[in-house]
Amino acid sequence: MRVLSLLFLTFAVLLGVSFAILNSDLVTVHYYVGVQKIPLSVLILGVLILGIVIGLIVSFPTLFKLRMELRRLNRERG
């Protein structure tokens, strides 16, 4: 099992590196206060991370409510 997970991790890293190499072209990003040129792969990675963070922040209240409900039900059960 450990070999399989190591193999999967190696494959994922190689896939990520090849993606970054293929998308190394510079793109211009226009902010409200300026302009910056960055590699496309860095932009895509940044947007992916931002989406994950926003998704976690949005789902946190629901997760908190469900944990409180689970605790209440466990106390009622005994």
N, C-alpha and C. Protein backbone atom coordinates (compact mmCIF):
# COMPACT_ATOMS: atom_id res chain seq x y z
N MET A 1 0.83 -1.19 0.00
CA MET A 1 0.00 0.00 0.00
C MET A 1 0.87 1.26 0.00
N ARG A 2 1.95 1.22 0.76
CA ARG A 2 2.84 2.38 0.84
C ARG A 2 3.53 2.63 -0.50
N VAL A 3 3.89 1.57 -1.19
CA VAL A 3 4.53 1.70 -2.50
C VAL A 3 3.54 2.30 -3.49
N LEU A 4 2.29 1.89 -3.42
CA LEU A 4 1.27 2.41 -4.31
C LEU A 4 1.05 3.90 -4.09
N SER A 5 0.99 4.33 -2.84
CA SER A 5 0.80 5.76 -2.57
C SER A 5 2.03 6.57 -2.98
N LEU A 6 3.22 6.02 -2.81
CA LEU A 6 4.44 6.69 -3.25
C LEU A 6 4.46 6.80 -4.77
N LEU A 7 4.03 5.76 -5.45
CA LEU A 7 3.96 5.78 -6.90
C LEU A 7 2.95 6.83 -7.38
N PHE A 8 1.81 6.90 -6.74
CA PHE A 8 0.79 7.88 -7.09
C PHE A 8 1.30 9.30 -6.85
N LEU A 9 1.98 9.54 -5.74
CA LEU A 9 2.53 10.86 -5.43
C LEU A 9 3.58 11.26 -6.46
N THR A 10 4.44 10.33 -6.85
CA THR A 10 5.45 10.60 -7.87
C THR A 10 4.79 10.95 -9.20
N PHE A 11 3.75 10.22 -9.57
CA PHE A 11 3.03 10.50 -10.81
C PHE A 11 2.38 11.88 -10.75
N ALA A 12 1.78 12.24 -9.62
CA ALA A 12 1.14 13.54 -9.48
C ALA A 12 2.16 14.68 -9.57
N VAL A 13 3.33 14.51 -8.97
CA VAL A 13 4.37 15.54 -9.04
C VAL A 13 4.86 15.69 -10.48
N LEU A 14 5.10 14.58 -11.15
CA LEU A 14 5.55 14.64 -12.54
C LEU A 14 4.49 15.29 -13.44
N LEU A 15 3.25 14.98 -13.20
CA LEU A 15 2.17 15.59 -13.96
C LEU A 15 2.12 17.10 -13.71
N GLY A 16 2.30 17.52 -12.46
CA GLY A 16 2.30 18.94 -12.12
C GLY A 16 3.48 19.67 -12.75
N VAL A 17 4.65 19.06 -12.73
CA VAL A 17 5.84 19.68 -13.33
C VAL A 17 5.67 19.81 -14.84
N SER A 18 5.15 18.77 -15.48
CA SER A 18 4.95 18.84 -16.93
C SER A 18 3.89 19.89 -17.27
N PHE A 19 2.87 20.02 -16.44
CA PHE A 19 1.85 21.05 -16.65
C PHE A 19 2.47 22.45 -16.56
N ALA A 20 3.33 22.65 -15.56
CA ALA A 20 3.99 23.95 -15.39
C ALA A 20 4.91 24.27 -16.56
N ILE A 21 5.60 23.27 -17.07
CA ILE A 21 6.50 23.49 -18.21
C ILE A 21 5.71 23.82 -19.47
N LEU A 22 4.61 23.11 -19.69
CA LEU A 22 3.81 23.36 -20.88
C LEU A 22 3.10 24.71 -20.85
N ASN A 23 2.82 25.24 -19.66
CA ASN A 23 2.10 26.50 -19.52
C ASN A 23 2.98 27.58 -18.91
N SER A 24 4.18 27.72 -19.41
CA SER A 24 5.11 28.69 -18.85
C SER A 24 5.03 30.05 -19.55
N ASP A 25 4.11 30.21 -20.49
CA ASP A 25 3.97 31.49 -21.18
C ASP A 25 3.52 32.58 -20.20
N LEU A 26 4.01 33.78 -20.41
CA LEU A 26 3.64 34.89 -19.55
C LEU A 26 2.28 35.44 -19.98
N VAL A 27 1.44 35.74 -19.01
CA VAL A 27 0.16 36.38 -19.26
C VAL A 27 0.13 37.68 -18.47
N THR A 28 -0.58 38.65 -18.99
CA THR A 28 -0.69 39.94 -18.33
C THR A 28 -1.95 39.95 -17.48
N VAL A 29 -1.79 40.28 -16.21
CA VAL A 29 -2.92 40.37 -15.28
C VAL A 29 -3.09 41.84 -14.93
N HIS A 30 -4.27 42.38 -15.20
CA HIS A 30 -4.56 43.78 -14.92
C HIS A 30 -5.31 43.87 -13.58
N TYR A 31 -4.66 44.45 -12.59
CA TYR A 31 -5.30 44.72 -11.30
C TYR A 31 -5.91 46.11 -11.37
N TYR A 32 -6.66 46.47 -10.35
CA TYR A 32 -7.23 47.81 -10.32
C TYR A 32 -6.15 48.87 -10.13
N VAL A 33 -5.05 48.48 -9.50
CA VAL A 33 -3.99 49.46 -9.22
C VAL A 33 -2.72 49.19 -10.01
N GLY A 34 -2.71 48.25 -10.88
CA GLY A 34 -1.49 47.97 -11.63
C GLY A 34 -1.62 46.80 -12.59
N VAL A 35 -0.50 46.47 -13.18
CA VAL A 35 -0.42 45.39 -14.17
C VAL A 35 0.81 44.55 -13.84
N GLN A 36 0.67 43.23 -14.00
CA GLN A 36 1.80 42.35 -13.74
C GLN A 36 1.77 41.20 -14.73
N LYS A 37 2.96 40.76 -15.15
CA LYS A 37 3.07 39.60 -16.03
C LYS A 37 3.56 38.42 -15.20
N ILE A 38 2.81 37.31 -15.25
CA ILE A 38 3.17 36.11 -14.50
C ILE A 38 2.95 34.89 -15.39
N PRO A 39 3.63 33.78 -15.09
CA PRO A 39 3.42 32.55 -15.88
C PRO A 39 1.98 32.03 -15.71
N LEU A 40 1.46 31.48 -16.77
CA LEU A 40 0.09 30.97 -16.76
C LEU A 40 -0.10 29.88 -15.71
N SER A 41 0.89 29.01 -15.56
CA SER A 41 0.75 27.92 -14.58
C SER A 41 0.67 28.47 -13.16
N VAL A 42 1.39 29.54 -12.86
CA VAL A 42 1.33 30.14 -11.52
C VAL A 42 -0.05 30.77 -11.30
N LEU A 43 -0.59 31.41 -12.33
CA LEU A 43 -1.93 31.99 -12.22
C LEU A 43 -2.98 30.91 -11.97
N ILE A 44 -2.90 29.82 -12.70
CA ILE A 44 -3.88 28.73 -12.53
C ILE A 44 -3.75 28.13 -11.13
N LEU A 45 -2.53 27.91 -10.67
CA LEU A 45 -2.33 27.37 -9.33
C LEU A 45 -2.86 28.32 -8.26
N GLY A 46 -2.62 29.61 -8.43
CA GLY A 46 -3.12 30.59 -7.47
C GLY A 46 -4.63 30.62 -7.40
N VAL A 47 -5.28 30.56 -8.56
CA VAL A 47 -6.74 30.55 -8.60
C VAL A 47 -7.29 29.26 -7.98
N LEU A 48 -6.62 28.15 -8.21
CA LEU A 48 -7.03 26.88 -7.61
C LEU A 48 -6.95 26.94 -6.09
N ILE A 49 -5.85 27.46 -5.57
CA ILE A 49 -5.68 27.57 -4.11
C ILE A 49 -6.71 28.54 -3.54
N LEU A 50 -6.94 29.67 -4.21
CA LEU A 50 -7.93 30.62 -3.75
C LEU A 50 -9.33 29.99 -3.71
N GLY A 51 -9.66 29.20 -4.70
CA GLY A 51 -10.96 28.52 -4.72
C GLY A 51 -11.10 27.52 -3.58
N ILE A 52 -10.03 26.79 -3.28
CA ILE A 52 -10.07 25.84 -2.17
C ILE A 52 -10.27 26.57 -0.85
N VAL A 53 -9.54 27.68 -0.65
CA VAL A 53 -9.66 28.44 0.59
C VAL A 53 -11.06 29.01 0.75
N ILE A 54 -11.61 29.58 -0.32
CA ILE A 54 -12.97 30.13 -0.26
C ILE A 54 -13.98 29.02 0.02
N GLY A 55 -13.82 27.87 -0.61
CA GLY A 55 -14.72 26.74 -0.36
C GLY A 55 -14.67 26.27 1.09
N LEU A 56 -13.48 26.22 1.67
CA LEU A 56 -13.37 25.82 3.08
C LEU A 56 -14.01 26.84 4.00
N ILE A 57 -13.81 28.12 3.71
CA ILE A 57 -14.40 29.17 4.54
C ILE A 57 -15.92 29.12 4.47
N VAL A 58 -16.46 28.91 3.28
CA VAL A 58 -17.91 28.86 3.11
C VAL A 58 -18.52 27.62 3.78
N SER A 59 -17.82 26.50 3.75
CA SER A 59 -18.37 25.26 4.32
C SER A 59 -18.16 25.15 5.83
N PHE A 60 -17.34 26.00 6.42
CA PHE A 60 -17.05 25.90 7.85
C PHE A 60 -18.30 26.04 8.73
N PRO A 61 -19.20 27.03 8.50
CA PRO A 61 -20.38 27.11 9.38
C PRO A 61 -21.25 25.86 9.36
N THR A 62 -21.44 25.27 8.19
CA THR A 62 -22.24 24.05 8.10
C THR A 62 -21.56 22.91 8.84
N LEU A 63 -20.26 22.78 8.68
CA LEU A 63 -19.51 21.74 9.38
C LEU A 63 -19.61 21.92 10.89
N PHE A 64 -19.51 23.16 11.35
CA PHE A 64 -19.61 23.45 12.78
C PHE A 64 -20.99 23.07 13.31
N LYS A 65 -22.05 23.42 12.59
CA LYS A 65 -23.42 23.08 13.01
C LYS A 65 -23.60 21.56 13.08
N LEU A 66 -23.08 20.84 12.09
CA LEU A 66 -23.24 19.39 12.09
C LEU A 66 -22.48 18.73 13.24
N ARG A 67 -21.31 19.25 13.58
CA ARG A 67 -20.57 18.70 14.72
C ARG A 67 -21.30 18.96 16.02
N MET A 68 -21.90 20.13 16.16
CA MET A 68 -22.67 20.44 17.38
C MET A 68 -23.88 19.52 17.48
N GLU A 69 -24.54 19.28 16.36
CA GLU A 69 -25.69 18.38 16.34
C GLU A 69 -25.27 16.95 16.70
N LEU A 70 -24.13 16.51 16.20
CA LEU A 70 -23.63 15.17 16.53
C LEU A 70 -23.34 15.06 18.02
N ARG A 71 -22.72 16.07 18.60
CA ARG A 71 -22.46 16.05 20.04
C ARG A 71 -23.75 15.98 20.85
N ARG A 72 -24.76 16.78 20.41
CA ARG A 72 -26.04 16.77 21.12
C ARG A 72 -26.70 15.40 21.02
N LEU A 73 -26.67 14.80 19.85
CA LEU A 73 -27.29 13.47 19.69
C LEU A 73 -26.53 12.41 20.48
N ASN A 74 -25.21 12.50 20.55
CA ASN A 74 -24.43 11.55 21.33
C ASN A 74 -24.73 11.68 22.82
N ARG A 75 -24.93 12.92 23.30
CA ARG A 75 -25.29 13.10 24.71
C ARG A 75 -26.67 12.54 25.01
N GLU A 76 -27.62 12.74 24.09
CA GLU A 76 -28.97 12.22 24.30
C GLU A 76 -28.98 10.70 24.30
N ARG A 77 -28.13 10.08 23.51
CA ARG A 77 -28.09 8.63 23.41
C ARG A 77 -27.54 7.99 24.65
N GLY A 78 -26.67 8.70 25.31
CA GLY A 78 -26.17 8.15 26.57
C GLY A 78 -24.78 7.89 26.59
